[in-house]
Amino acid sequence: MRSFFESRKFASGFLVLLLGAWLVGLQYDLFFLVRWLDMPFHFLGGFLAYVLWLVFWKRPEIAMTQRQKAFFLFLASIGFVMFVGVFWEFFELVLDRFITHAGLTYLSGVYEDTLSDLLFDFFGGSTAFLLYNKFYG
């Protein structure tokens, strides 16, 4: 039996809540009023990416030790989380430069913001990995 953490119901509910909160933040310019608000969203986005990876990735049976298996699963899942994070950063760039023309990607510190976003994506995915393996692994 699949755990609730791995269920499509949990993943889709988490996705809807996170996207809904993100849209509210955009609507009311909360990301500009509260500068650090972007960080928890990226953390939760990394967490969500790991949950989606759990839901949709079919785990092959691989002959290796438990420690090797955990390391492999960590690398594979975090690789997916980081792929989603980089994809999101490209989405933000395209949204800013070609759709909304807000000019945010031309501001100073934008590269630091991108690296911070990816770091929090990593932290969120790693936290989800550790929680899952502690309680379900």
Protein backbone atom coordinates (compact mmCIF):
# COMPACT_ATOMS: atom_id res chain seq x y z
CA MET A 1 0.00 0.00 0.00
CA ARG A 2 1.31 3.40 -0.94
CA SER A 3 1.79 5.94 1.81
CA PHE A 4 -0.24 9.13 1.89
CA PHE A 5 3.00 11.00 1.17
CA GLU A 6 3.22 9.14 -2.16
CA SER A 7 -0.44 9.54 -3.11
CA ARG A 8 -1.64 11.54 -6.09
CA LYS A 9 -4.27 13.13 -3.85
CA PHE A 10 -1.59 14.58 -1.54
CA ALA A 11 0.59 15.70 -4.49
CA SER A 12 -2.26 17.38 -6.36
CA GLY A 13 -3.59 19.05 -3.20
CA PHE A 14 -0.11 20.33 -2.34
CA LEU A 15 0.32 21.61 -5.92
CA VAL A 16 -3.03 23.43 -5.91
CA LEU A 17 -2.34 25.05 -2.53
CA LEU A 18 1.17 26.13 -3.48
CA LEU A 19 0.13 27.55 -6.87
CA GLY A 20 -2.88 29.26 -5.28
CA ALA A 21 -0.70 30.89 -2.63
CA TRP A 22 1.82 31.90 -5.33
CA LEU A 23 -0.94 33.54 -7.40
CA VAL A 24 -2.22 35.43 -4.35
CA GLY A 25 1.34 36.59 -3.68
CA LEU A 26 1.65 37.84 -7.26
CA GLN A 27 -1.78 39.49 -7.21
CA TYR A 28 -0.99 41.52 -4.08
CA ASP A 29 2.74 42.08 -4.82
CA LEU A 30 3.62 40.22 -1.62
CA PHE A 31 6.95 39.05 -3.08
CA PHE A 32 8.02 42.71 -3.32
CA LEU A 33 6.59 43.77 0.03
CA VAL A 34 8.10 40.84 1.93
CA ARG A 35 11.53 40.23 0.36
CA TRP A 36 12.15 36.85 2.04
CA LEU A 37 8.77 35.37 1.01
CA ASP A 38 10.32 33.86 -2.11
CA MET A 39 12.50 31.55 0.01
CA PRO A 40 9.74 29.49 1.66
CA PHE A 41 8.01 29.17 -1.71
CA HIS A 42 11.15 27.72 -3.27
CA PHE A 43 11.63 25.43 -0.26
CA LEU A 44 8.06 24.17 -0.63
CA GLY A 45 8.51 23.95 -4.39
CA GLY A 46 11.52 21.67 -3.90
CA PHE A 47 9.52 19.63 -1.39
CA LEU A 48 6.66 19.35 -3.90
CA ALA A 49 9.04 18.34 -6.71
CA TYR A 50 10.27 15.45 -4.55
CA VAL A 51 6.68 14.40 -3.78
CA LEU A 52 5.86 14.46 -7.50
CA TRP A 53 8.97 12.39 -8.18
CA LEU A 54 7.78 9.83 -5.63
CA VAL A 55 4.33 9.67 -7.19
CA PHE A 56 5.38 9.29 -10.81
CA TRP A 57 8.80 7.57 -10.78
CA LYS A 58 8.68 3.82 -11.14
CA ARG A 59 11.38 2.36 -8.93
CA PRO A 60 13.37 -0.39 -10.60
CA GLU A 61 14.71 -3.21 -8.49
CA ILE A 62 18.46 -2.74 -8.38
CA ALA A 63 20.84 -5.21 -6.75
CA MET A 64 22.85 -3.08 -4.30
CA THR A 65 23.24 -2.52 -0.60
CA GLN A 66 20.70 -0.44 1.31
CA ARG A 67 23.23 2.36 1.74
CA GLN A 68 24.06 2.40 -1.99
CA LYS A 69 20.37 2.32 -2.84
CA ALA A 70 19.65 5.30 -0.54
CA PHE A 71 22.52 7.26 -2.10
CA PHE A 72 21.31 6.45 -5.63
CA LEU A 73 17.74 7.44 -4.77
CA PHE A 74 18.97 10.68 -3.19
CA LEU A 75 20.97 11.60 -6.30
CA ALA A 76 18.13 10.69 -8.67
CA SER A 77 15.44 12.51 -6.70
CA ILE A 78 17.52 15.63 -6.03
CA GLY A 79 18.52 15.66 -9.70
CA PHE A 80 14.82 15.78 -10.55
CA VAL A 81 14.19 18.49 -7.93
CA MET A 82 17.00 20.63 -9.35
CA PHE A 83 15.73 20.09 -12.90
CA VAL A 84 12.34 21.42 -11.82
CA GLY A 85 14.05 24.35 -10.04
CA VAL A 86 16.09 25.31 -13.12
CA PHE A 87 12.98 24.97 -15.29
CA TRP A 88 11.15 27.34 -12.90
CA GLU A 89 13.97 29.87 -13.10
CA PHE A 90 13.73 29.81 -16.91
CA PHE A 91 9.95 30.28 -16.56
CA GLU A 92 10.56 33.36 -14.38
CA LEU A 93 13.03 34.74 -16.93
CA VAL A 94 10.66 34.24 -19.88
CA LEU A 95 7.72 35.61 -17.89
CA ASP A 96 9.66 38.75 -16.97
CA ARG A 97 11.45 39.46 -20.22
CA PHE A 98 8.90 38.43 -22.82
CA ILE A 99 5.43 38.38 -21.25
CA THR A 100 5.09 40.92 -18.43
CA HIS A 101 8.09 43.11 -19.34
CA ALA A 102 8.50 44.00 -15.65
CA GLY A 103 12.28 44.31 -15.95
CA LEU A 104 12.99 42.41 -12.73
CA THR A 105 15.65 40.23 -14.37
CA TYR A 106 17.64 43.36 -15.21
CA LEU A 107 17.98 44.45 -11.57
CA SER A 108 21.22 44.06 -9.68
CA GLY A 109 21.36 40.97 -7.48
CA VAL A 110 19.24 38.89 -9.83
CA TYR A 111 21.94 36.20 -10.12
CA GLU A 112 22.22 35.94 -6.36
CA ASP A 113 18.45 35.59 -6.19
CA THR A 114 18.51 32.77 -8.74
CA LEU A 115 21.21 30.92 -6.80
CA SER A 116 19.30 31.45 -3.55
CA ASP A 117 16.14 30.10 -5.20
CA LEU A 118 17.98 26.97 -6.38
CA LEU A 119 19.54 26.50 -2.95
CA PHE A 120 16.11 26.57 -1.29
CA ASP A 121 14.77 24.17 -3.94
CA PHE A 122 17.61 21.83 -2.94
CA PHE A 123 16.87 22.25 0.78
CA GLY A 124 13.17 21.53 0.24
CA GLY A 125 13.83 18.42 -1.83
CA SER A 126 16.46 17.18 0.63
CA THR A 127 14.12 17.72 3.57
CA ALA A 128 11.35 15.78 1.81
CA PHE A 129 13.83 12.98 1.01
CA LEU A 130 14.98 12.78 4.64
CA LEU A 131 11.43 12.84 6.03
CA TYR A 132 10.24 10.20 3.60
CA ASN A 133 13.15 7.88 4.32
CA LYS A 134 12.81 8.35 8.07
CA PHE A 135 9.11 7.52 8.19
CA TYR A 136 8.49 5.37 5.09
CA GLY A 137 11.90 4.18 3.87
